[in-house]
Protein backbone atom coordinates (compact mmCIF):
# COMPACT_ATOMS: atom_id res chain seq x y z
CA MET A 1 -17.89 -173.65 -182.45
CA ILE A 2 -17.50 -177.09 -180.20
CA THR A 3 -17.04 -179.97 -182.83
CA ILE A 4 -16.34 -183.82 -181.80
CA PRO A 5 -12.85 -185.17 -183.70
CA VAL A 6 -13.35 -188.14 -186.18
CA VAL A 7 -11.88 -190.22 -183.46
CA LEU A 8 -14.04 -190.09 -181.12
CA GLN A 9 -17.21 -190.35 -183.96
CA ASN A 10 -17.34 -194.02 -182.80
CA GLU A 11 -20.40 -196.22 -182.79
CA PHE A 12 -19.19 -197.39 -179.19
CA ILE A 13 -18.48 -193.98 -177.60
CA ASN A 14 -21.26 -192.45 -175.67
CA PHE A 15 -21.83 -188.94 -174.80
CA VAL A 16 -22.89 -186.67 -172.36
CA LEU A 17 -24.17 -183.03 -172.67
CA ILE A 18 -22.07 -180.42 -169.68
CA GLU A 19 -22.73 -177.14 -168.76
CA LYS A 20 -20.95 -174.34 -170.83
CA GLY A 21 -17.59 -173.56 -170.30
CA GLY A 22 -17.94 -176.29 -167.07
CA LYS A 23 -17.21 -179.80 -166.04
CA LYS A 24 -20.25 -181.26 -164.81
CA PRO A 25 -23.12 -183.15 -167.01
CA PHE A 26 -26.72 -181.71 -166.00
CA GLN A 27 -28.86 -184.06 -167.33
CA LYS A 28 -30.77 -186.23 -164.96
CA ASP A 29 -29.45 -190.14 -165.17
CA TRP A 30 -26.69 -189.13 -167.16
CA PRO A 31 -24.49 -192.12 -166.95
CA SER A 32 -27.38 -194.23 -167.94
CA LYS A 33 -28.46 -192.57 -171.32
CA ILE A 34 -27.02 -193.33 -174.33
CA ILE A 35 -26.15 -190.64 -176.95
CA LYS A 36 -24.15 -190.89 -179.88
CA PHE A 37 -21.72 -188.56 -182.02
CA ASN A 38 -24.34 -187.83 -184.06
CA ASP A 39 -27.18 -187.15 -181.62
CA GLN A 40 -29.61 -184.22 -182.75
CA GLU A 41 -29.46 -182.99 -179.22
CA LEU A 42 -25.78 -183.35 -178.65
CA LEU A 43 -25.21 -181.41 -181.87
CA ALA A 44 -27.39 -178.73 -180.64
CA HIS A 45 -26.01 -178.55 -177.70
CA ILE A 46 -22.36 -178.06 -178.69
CA LYS A 47 -23.53 -175.66 -181.97
CA ASN A 48 -24.37 -172.95 -178.91
CA ASP A 49 -20.69 -173.56 -177.70
CA GLY A 50 -22.11 -176.05 -175.14
CA ASN A 51 -19.39 -178.65 -173.30
CA TYR A 52 -19.65 -182.45 -173.89
CA GLY A 53 -18.28 -185.22 -171.85
CA VAL A 54 -17.05 -188.38 -173.12
CA ILE A 55 -17.99 -191.53 -170.80
CA GLY A 56 -15.91 -194.32 -170.07
CA GLY A 57 -16.80 -198.01 -170.04
CA GLY A 58 -19.17 -199.10 -172.84
CA LYS A 59 -18.75 -202.29 -175.00
CA LYS A 60 -15.17 -201.54 -175.65
CA HIS A 61 -14.73 -200.24 -172.49
CA LEU A 62 -13.20 -197.19 -172.70
CA LEU A 63 -11.11 -195.91 -170.45
CA ILE A 64 -9.55 -191.97 -170.10
CA VAL A 65 -6.68 -191.24 -168.23
CA ASP A 66 -6.48 -188.17 -166.62
CA PHE A 67 -3.33 -186.83 -165.50
CA ASP A 68 -3.16 -184.07 -162.71
CA GLU A 69 0.68 -184.55 -161.68
CA GLN A 70 3.14 -183.29 -164.71
CA GLU A 71 5.98 -185.59 -163.11
CA ILE A 72 4.39 -188.94 -163.35
CA GLN A 73 2.80 -187.95 -166.66
CA ASP A 74 5.92 -187.53 -167.72
CA LYS A 75 6.98 -190.96 -166.72
CA LEU A 76 3.72 -192.95 -167.86
CA GLU A 77 3.54 -191.60 -171.09
CA LYS A 78 6.90 -192.92 -172.01
CA ILE A 79 6.01 -196.63 -171.11
CA LEU A 80 1.80 -196.37 -172.23
CA PRO A 81 1.09 -197.13 -175.60
CA GLN A 82 0.58 -194.40 -178.10
CA THR A 83 -2.81 -193.31 -178.26
CA PHE A 84 -5.32 -190.47 -179.22
CA THR A 85 -4.43 -187.27 -176.50
CA VAL A 86 -5.92 -184.46 -175.30
CA LYS A 87 -4.62 -181.60 -173.85
CA THR A 88 -6.79 -180.48 -170.83
CA GLY A 89 -7.41 -176.32 -170.21
CA SER A 90 -4.75 -177.00 -167.34
CA GLY A 91 -2.30 -178.11 -169.61
CA LYS A 92 -2.36 -181.76 -168.51
CA HIS A 93 -3.17 -184.76 -170.74
CA HIS A 94 -5.71 -187.41 -171.24
CA LEU A 95 -4.76 -190.26 -172.71
CA TYR A 96 -7.93 -192.59 -174.54
CA TYR A 97 -7.66 -196.55 -174.29
CA PHE A 98 -10.04 -199.32 -175.10
CA SER A 99 -9.20 -202.21 -173.06
CA ASN A 100 -11.25 -205.39 -171.65
CA GLY A 101 -11.68 -204.00 -168.57
CA SER A 102 -13.42 -200.67 -167.33
CA LYS A 103 -13.80 -200.02 -163.45
CA LYS A 104 -12.49 -196.58 -162.68
CA PHE A 105 -9.79 -195.77 -160.00
CA LYS A 106 -7.31 -193.03 -159.12
CA ILE A 107 -4.31 -192.23 -157.04
CA PHE A 108 -3.25 -190.05 -154.83
CA ASP A 109 -0.52 -188.73 -152.97
CA LYS A 110 -0.36 -188.61 -148.73
CA LYS A 111 -2.52 -185.90 -148.34
CA ASP A 112 -5.43 -187.21 -150.80
CA ASN A 113 -4.27 -185.01 -153.56
CA THR A 114 -5.32 -186.45 -156.16
CA LEU A 115 -2.36 -187.97 -159.12
CA ILE A 116 -4.40 -189.75 -161.78
CA ASP A 117 -8.14 -190.09 -162.40
CA VAL A 118 -9.06 -193.02 -164.26
CA GLN A 119 -12.40 -192.78 -165.83
CA GLY A 120 -13.92 -195.91 -166.93
CA ASP A 121 -17.64 -197.16 -165.86
CA ARG A 122 -20.67 -194.31 -165.77
CA THR A 123 -17.80 -191.65 -164.98
CA GLN A 124 -16.53 -189.26 -167.83
CA ALA A 125 -14.47 -186.76 -168.81
CA VAL A 126 -14.25 -183.41 -171.18
CA GLY A 127 -14.30 -183.81 -174.64
CA PRO A 128 -12.05 -182.15 -176.40
CA ASN A 129 -12.93 -178.23 -178.22
CA SER A 130 -14.31 -177.98 -174.99
CA LYS A 131 -14.12 -174.90 -172.83
CA HIS A 132 -12.47 -175.04 -169.56
CA PRO A 133 -13.44 -172.97 -166.42
CA ASN A 134 -9.96 -170.96 -166.91
CA GLY A 135 -11.26 -169.99 -170.31
CA ASN A 136 -8.41 -172.45 -172.14
CA PHE A 137 -9.57 -175.18 -174.59
CA TYR A 138 -9.47 -178.64 -174.61
CA LYS A 139 -7.23 -179.36 -177.49
CA VAL A 140 -6.69 -182.42 -179.58
CA PHE A 141 -2.66 -182.98 -178.59
CA LYS A 142 -1.79 -186.57 -180.46
CA ASN A 143 -4.69 -187.12 -183.45
CA ILE A 144 -4.21 -190.84 -183.88
CA PRO A 145 -6.13 -193.98 -183.34
CA ILE A 146 -7.42 -194.95 -179.55
CA ALA A 147 -4.98 -197.42 -178.55
CA PHE A 148 -5.27 -200.95 -176.74
CA ILE A 149 -3.88 -201.72 -173.16
CA ASP A 150 -5.03 -204.72 -171.15
CA TYR A 151 -7.11 -203.59 -167.87
CA ASP A 152 -4.23 -205.07 -165.41
CA LYS A 153 -1.41 -203.78 -167.02
CA ILE A 154 -2.58 -200.54 -167.00
CA TYR A 155 -3.90 -200.72 -163.69
CA ASP A 156 -0.63 -202.42 -162.13
CA LEU A 157 1.63 -199.35 -164.19
CA ILE A 158 -0.15 -196.59 -162.50
CA MET A 159 -0.96 -197.77 -159.02
CA LYS A 160 2.99 -197.97 -158.48
CA TYR A 161 2.49 -194.46 -158.53
CA ASP A 162 -0.22 -194.16 -155.18
CA GLU A 163 1.56 -192.82 -152.34
CA ARG A 164 -0.87 -193.56 -149.66
CA GLU A 165 -0.12 -195.99 -147.35
CA ASP A 166 -3.32 -197.55 -146.60
CA LYS A 167 -6.12 -197.83 -149.49
CA VAL A 168 -9.28 -196.76 -148.73
CA LYS A 169 -11.89 -199.09 -148.33
CA ASP A 170 -15.83 -198.69 -148.47
CA LYS A 171 -16.06 -200.21 -145.03
CA SER A 172 -20.28 -199.62 -145.50
CA LYS A 173 -20.33 -203.74 -146.24
CA LYS A 174 -18.62 -204.54 -142.75
CA SER A 175 -21.18 -202.52 -140.76
CA SER A 176 -24.26 -203.43 -142.89
CA LYS A 177 -23.98 -207.02 -141.85
CA SER A 178 -26.52 -209.71 -142.40
CA GLY A 179 -27.99 -212.12 -139.84
CA LYS A 180 -29.13 -212.06 -135.81
CA THR A 181 -25.64 -211.38 -134.36
CA ALA A 182 -25.13 -208.80 -131.48
CA SER A 183 -23.25 -206.43 -133.75
CA SER A 184 -25.89 -206.77 -136.41
CA GLU A 185 -28.99 -206.04 -133.86
CA PHE A 186 -27.01 -203.02 -132.32
CA VAL A 187 -26.29 -201.77 -135.95
CA LYS A 188 -30.05 -201.02 -136.08
CA ILE A 189 -30.56 -199.50 -132.76
CA ILE A 190 -27.76 -197.14 -133.62
CA LYS A 191 -29.19 -196.01 -136.98
CA SER A 192 -32.42 -195.45 -135.60
CA ARG A 193 -31.09 -193.59 -132.38
CA VAL A 194 -28.46 -191.71 -133.45
CA SER A 195 -28.55 -188.71 -135.81
CA PHE A 196 -26.22 -188.90 -138.42
CA GLU A 197 -26.18 -185.45 -139.41
CA LYS A 198 -25.60 -184.68 -135.75
CA VAL A 199 -21.96 -186.96 -135.97
CA LEU A 200 -21.14 -185.16 -139.27
CA ILE A 201 -21.36 -181.91 -137.23
CA GLU A 202 -19.35 -182.92 -134.77
CA ALA A 203 -16.82 -183.58 -137.54
CA GLY A 204 -17.17 -180.58 -138.66
CA ILE A 205 -19.26 -181.09 -142.22
CA ASN A 206 -21.19 -178.64 -143.24
CA THR A 207 -24.35 -179.86 -143.44
CA ASN A 208 -26.60 -177.05 -144.50
CA TYR A 209 -25.72 -178.04 -148.42
CA LYS A 210 -26.22 -181.54 -148.95
CA ASN A 211 -22.86 -181.33 -151.42
CA THR A 212 -20.19 -180.06 -149.31
CA ASN A 213 -16.73 -180.21 -148.20
CA CYS A 214 -14.63 -183.35 -147.19
CA CYS A 215 -13.06 -183.60 -143.51
CA TRP A 216 -10.26 -185.24 -144.82
CA HIS A 217 -8.83 -183.11 -147.51
CA ASP A 218 -9.11 -179.27 -149.31
CA SER A 219 -11.32 -179.14 -152.06
CA LYS A 220 -11.22 -176.68 -154.62
CA GLY A 221 -15.23 -176.63 -155.50
CA GLY A 222 -16.28 -177.67 -152.08
CA LYS A 223 -18.90 -180.03 -153.21
CA CYS A 224 -17.16 -183.24 -153.23
CA PHE A 225 -18.92 -184.50 -150.02
CA SER A 226 -22.37 -186.10 -150.61
CA TRP A 227 -24.18 -187.35 -147.99
CA ASN A 228 -28.18 -188.07 -146.62
CA SER A 229 -29.65 -189.13 -143.69
CA GLU A 230 -27.82 -192.58 -144.15
CA LEU A 231 -25.13 -192.58 -146.29
CA TRP A 232 -22.00 -190.53 -147.15
CA ARG A 233 -19.49 -190.36 -150.31
CA CYS A 234 -16.92 -188.56 -151.23
CA PHE A 235 -16.24 -188.59 -155.13
CA HIS A 236 -12.58 -187.36 -154.62
CA CYS A 237 -10.93 -189.46 -152.22
CA GLU A 238 -13.39 -192.32 -152.75
CA ARG A 239 -14.31 -192.70 -149.53
CA GLY A 240 -18.31 -193.67 -148.34
CA GLY A 241 -20.36 -195.80 -146.39
CA ASP A 242 -22.71 -195.04 -143.97
CA ILE A 243 -23.10 -193.55 -140.25
CA LEU A 244 -20.67 -196.39 -138.67
CA SER A 245 -17.94 -196.37 -141.81
CA PHE A 246 -17.59 -192.64 -141.10
CA ILE A 247 -17.17 -193.09 -137.32
CA GLN A 248 -14.76 -195.82 -138.16
CA GLU A 249 -12.76 -193.41 -140.88
CA LYS A 250 -12.59 -190.33 -138.68
CA GLU A 251 -11.53 -192.13 -135.06
CA GLY A 252 -9.36 -194.80 -136.68
CA LEU A 253 -11.33 -197.73 -135.25
CA SER A 254 -12.26 -201.04 -135.92
CA PHE A 255 -15.65 -202.64 -136.62
CA LYS A 256 -15.65 -203.94 -132.82
CA GLU A 257 -13.91 -200.58 -131.68
CA VAL A 258 -16.53 -198.14 -133.34
CA LEU A 259 -19.40 -200.09 -131.35
CA VAL A 260 -18.13 -199.25 -128.14
CA PHE A 261 -17.11 -195.83 -129.01
CA ILE A 262 -20.52 -195.00 -129.94
CA ALA A 263 -21.92 -196.96 -126.86
CA LYS A 264 -20.15 -194.78 -124.59
CA LYS A 265 -20.32 -191.30 -126.45
CA TYR A 266 -24.16 -191.64 -127.04
CA ASN A 267 -25.35 -193.42 -123.97
CA LEU A 268 -26.33 -196.36 -125.87
CA GLU A 269 -24.12 -199.28 -123.22
CA SER A 270 -26.99 -200.48 -121.20
CA GLU A 271 -28.76 -201.36 -125.11
CA TYR A 272 -25.07 -202.82 -126.72
CA GLU A 273 -24.78 -204.84 -123.38
CA ASP A 274 -28.21 -206.21 -123.85
CA CYS A 275 -27.93 -207.00 -127.44
CA LYS A 276 -24.79 -208.96 -126.81
CA LYS A 277 -26.81 -210.81 -123.94
CA LYS A 278 -29.47 -211.78 -125.98
CA TYR A 279 -27.47 -213.13 -128.48
CA PHE A 280 -24.90 -215.32 -126.41
CA LYS A 281 -28.34 -216.72 -124.91
CA THR A 282 -29.31 -217.62 -128.33
CA VAL A 283 -26.41 -219.40 -129.05
CA GLU A 284 -26.19 -220.70 -125.63
CA GLU A 285 -29.81 -222.68 -126.83
CA SER A 286 -29.36 -223.41 -130.11
CA ASN A 287 -25.55 -225.41 -129.43
CA LEU A 288 -25.23 -228.83 -129.51
CA ILE A 289 -25.90 -230.30 -125.59
CA VAL A 290 -23.76 -232.72 -124.08
CA LYS A 291 -25.51 -234.42 -121.67
CA GLU A 292 -23.78 -235.81 -118.21
CA SER A 293 -24.22 -239.36 -118.61
CA ALA A 294 -22.34 -239.23 -122.29
CA ASN A 295 -19.41 -241.08 -120.92
CA THR A 296 -17.96 -242.19 -124.16
CA PHE A 297 -17.34 -240.52 -127.47
CA ASN A 298 -19.66 -242.49 -129.35
CA ASP A 299 -22.21 -241.96 -126.79
CA TRP A 300 -21.66 -238.30 -126.86
CA CYS A 301 -22.27 -237.75 -130.43
CA LEU A 302 -25.40 -240.30 -130.56
CA VAL A 303 -27.12 -238.00 -127.52
CA ASN A 304 -25.97 -234.81 -129.84
CA PHE A 305 -27.58 -236.02 -133.18
CA ASP A 306 -30.66 -237.21 -131.22
CA TYR A 307 -30.51 -233.92 -129.63
CA CYS A 308 -30.78 -232.29 -133.39
CA LEU A 309 -33.10 -234.43 -135.06
CA LYS A 310 -35.74 -234.19 -131.43
CA ASN A 311 -35.31 -230.31 -131.78
CA LYS A 312 -35.57 -230.45 -135.79
CA ILE A 313 -32.14 -228.33 -135.67
CA LYS A 314 -31.48 -228.65 -139.22
CA VAL A 315 -27.70 -229.60 -139.15
CA CYS A 316 -28.56 -233.14 -138.39
CA LYS A 317 -30.83 -234.18 -141.31
CA PHE A 318 -28.82 -234.10 -144.86
CA LYS A 319 -29.91 -234.41 -147.86
CA PHE A 320 -26.68 -234.85 -150.87
CA ASN A 321 -26.76 -233.74 -153.85
CA THR A 322 -24.00 -235.05 -156.23
CA SER A 323 -24.28 -232.66 -159.10
CA ALA A 324 -20.91 -231.71 -161.50
CA ASN A 325 -19.11 -229.23 -159.69
CA ALA A 326 -16.73 -227.41 -161.52
CA MET A 327 -13.83 -227.46 -159.01
CA VAL A 328 -13.86 -230.51 -158.30
CA SER A 329 -13.28 -234.28 -160.49
CA LYS A 330 -16.55 -235.88 -160.82
CA LYS A 331 -14.65 -239.20 -159.48
CA LEU A 332 -14.44 -237.40 -155.85
CA PHE A 333 -18.41 -237.82 -156.56
CA ASP A 334 -18.26 -241.69 -156.23
CA PHE A 335 -17.42 -241.12 -152.61
CA ALA A 336 -20.47 -239.12 -152.24
CA PRO A 337 -23.74 -240.50 -153.47
CA VAL A 338 -26.75 -239.07 -153.10
CA LYS A 339 -27.80 -239.83 -149.77
CA ASP A 340 -30.15 -239.60 -146.80
CA ILE A 341 -28.33 -239.59 -143.14
CA ASN A 342 -31.16 -239.91 -140.35
CA THR A 343 -29.07 -242.06 -138.05
CA PHE A 344 -25.58 -240.76 -136.72
CA GLU A 345 -24.35 -244.39 -137.49
CA GLU A 346 -24.82 -243.13 -141.18
CA LEU A 347 -23.58 -240.08 -140.91
CA VAL A 348 -20.23 -241.94 -140.20
CA GLU A 349 -20.35 -244.59 -142.97
CA TYR A 350 -20.88 -241.27 -145.05
CA VAL A 351 -17.46 -240.06 -143.37
CA LYS A 352 -15.68 -243.31 -144.14
CA LEU A 353 -16.41 -243.08 -148.35
CA PHE A 354 -13.89 -239.83 -148.33
CA ASN A 355 -11.32 -242.40 -146.43
CA ALA A 356 -9.57 -242.67 -149.74
CA LYS A 357 -6.12 -241.58 -151.49
CA PHE A 358 -4.98 -237.77 -152.26
CA LEU A 359 -7.83 -236.78 -155.38
CA LYS A 360 -6.96 -234.51 -158.10
CA ASN A 361 -9.44 -232.08 -159.66
CA ASP A 362 -10.00 -231.52 -163.08
CA ASN A 363 -7.22 -228.73 -163.23
CA GLY A 364 -5.28 -231.37 -162.10
CA PHE A 365 -4.78 -229.99 -158.52
CA VAL A 366 -4.41 -232.33 -155.64
CA VAL A 367 -7.48 -232.36 -153.17
CA HIS A 368 -7.13 -233.67 -149.67
CA PRO A 369 -10.10 -235.83 -148.60
CA THR A 370 -10.65 -233.38 -145.98
CA ASN A 371 -10.96 -230.60 -147.96
CA ALA A 372 -13.11 -232.79 -150.79
CA LEU A 373 -15.38 -233.77 -147.98
CA LYS A 374 -15.28 -229.68 -147.06
CA ILE A 375 -16.54 -228.68 -150.35
CA ASN A 376 -19.21 -231.31 -151.03
CA CYS A 377 -20.68 -230.62 -147.31
CA GLU A 378 -21.02 -226.65 -148.16
CA LYS A 379 -21.44 -226.21 -151.92
CA TYR A 380 -24.32 -229.34 -152.13
CA CYS A 381 -25.61 -230.56 -148.92
CA ASN A 382 -26.81 -229.23 -145.64
CA PRO A 383 -24.18 -226.42 -144.54
CA GLY A 384 -24.23 -227.57 -141.22
CA LEU A 385 -23.20 -231.38 -142.02
CA TRP A 386 -19.58 -229.86 -142.23
CA ASN A 387 -19.74 -228.47 -138.93
CA TYR A 388 -21.24 -231.49 -137.13
CA ILE A 389 -18.53 -233.21 -138.53
CA VAL A 390 -15.81 -230.65 -137.30
CA PHE A 391 -17.65 -230.58 -134.18
CA CYS A 392 -17.73 -234.21 -133.09
CA ASN A 393 -14.02 -234.57 -134.10
CA LEU A 394 -14.91 -237.14 -136.67
CA PHE A 395 -11.46 -237.06 -138.68
CA ASN A 396 -9.65 -238.28 -136.02
CA LYS A 397 -12.05 -241.05 -134.24
CA ILE A 398 -13.01 -242.67 -137.56
CA LYS A 399 -9.42 -242.60 -138.69
CA PHE A 400 -10.75 -240.07 -142.02
CA LEU A 401 -6.69 -238.33 -142.18
CA VAL A 402 -4.85 -239.99 -144.34
């Protein structure tokens, strides 16, 4: 009968029910469930020879180091702290550690085969005494208390063995930009006009299943690649994102290059050009306009300032807040009192207040007045003020630099 070792009967460790003789949890939303070692449903499940998993993370930040390569396992076990260890059905080891961080990570060889998979938050490893799909059992190899290891330390030790030259990053954030730009508007068109399923089929993905083979590597189970109409994720090689990031990965393109690539391949070139024209027209209309009659620098700035006020452009109406800033000493804000600025002359006087010697923040680091003003503008003022000061070149004209 399957039992849970005493070492794992810990109030800070959570468990999950796994299919009999398998590795996969079958409960819906299992990472969010709180199942302790004495949970009656868990005990009834393992009494009937059902497997169970140990969930990483939790209040004590449990990490489970799952080795898939014997040579690296032998090397790391010599330098990692002795801890509770389980021998898996395949003969490799699971090392259990409490830590001060529990974000999961893994390393690969050059062919995207997993070398080490560190289970942490919202992931699990099959527990000892469970049955491996090959018929062997997971057995306790070192029955000692779970040791503590610093998260940064174990991360650095393991990542040294990652053989991939370019670490895979999720590019979905980059391809889902906020704000109205030429690219963001075109991204909306791509997602509404180009079928993601068609893109997957063209890449050789079997879309008859929502969990299928990844096009970047072989898979024993053939179910590591998950997708829907908008997003995709490979739980083996940890790639993922949206339609743009998929094509980026497949074609080896930058974000700008993939927009051009998609425009040409899916007959969206005219739409792409329209997006760019509309964007540049908006930028041109919103930029500070320099009148031909502005012959001197001062006149030029005054004209622009009046233009902004007249057209209610936010970069020219500033309200300054001198709330305490953890990064910059309060003394710094003696040079930046709460102040409304409605004219160009008042703006010049405000800038002059920063024409001081080098200042130190609370940590003793030197803060150049230029950076001090930049920090104040960006954190506590209308963000447009900093751009306006740079645009008007006030540093040089008001002898701001020291």
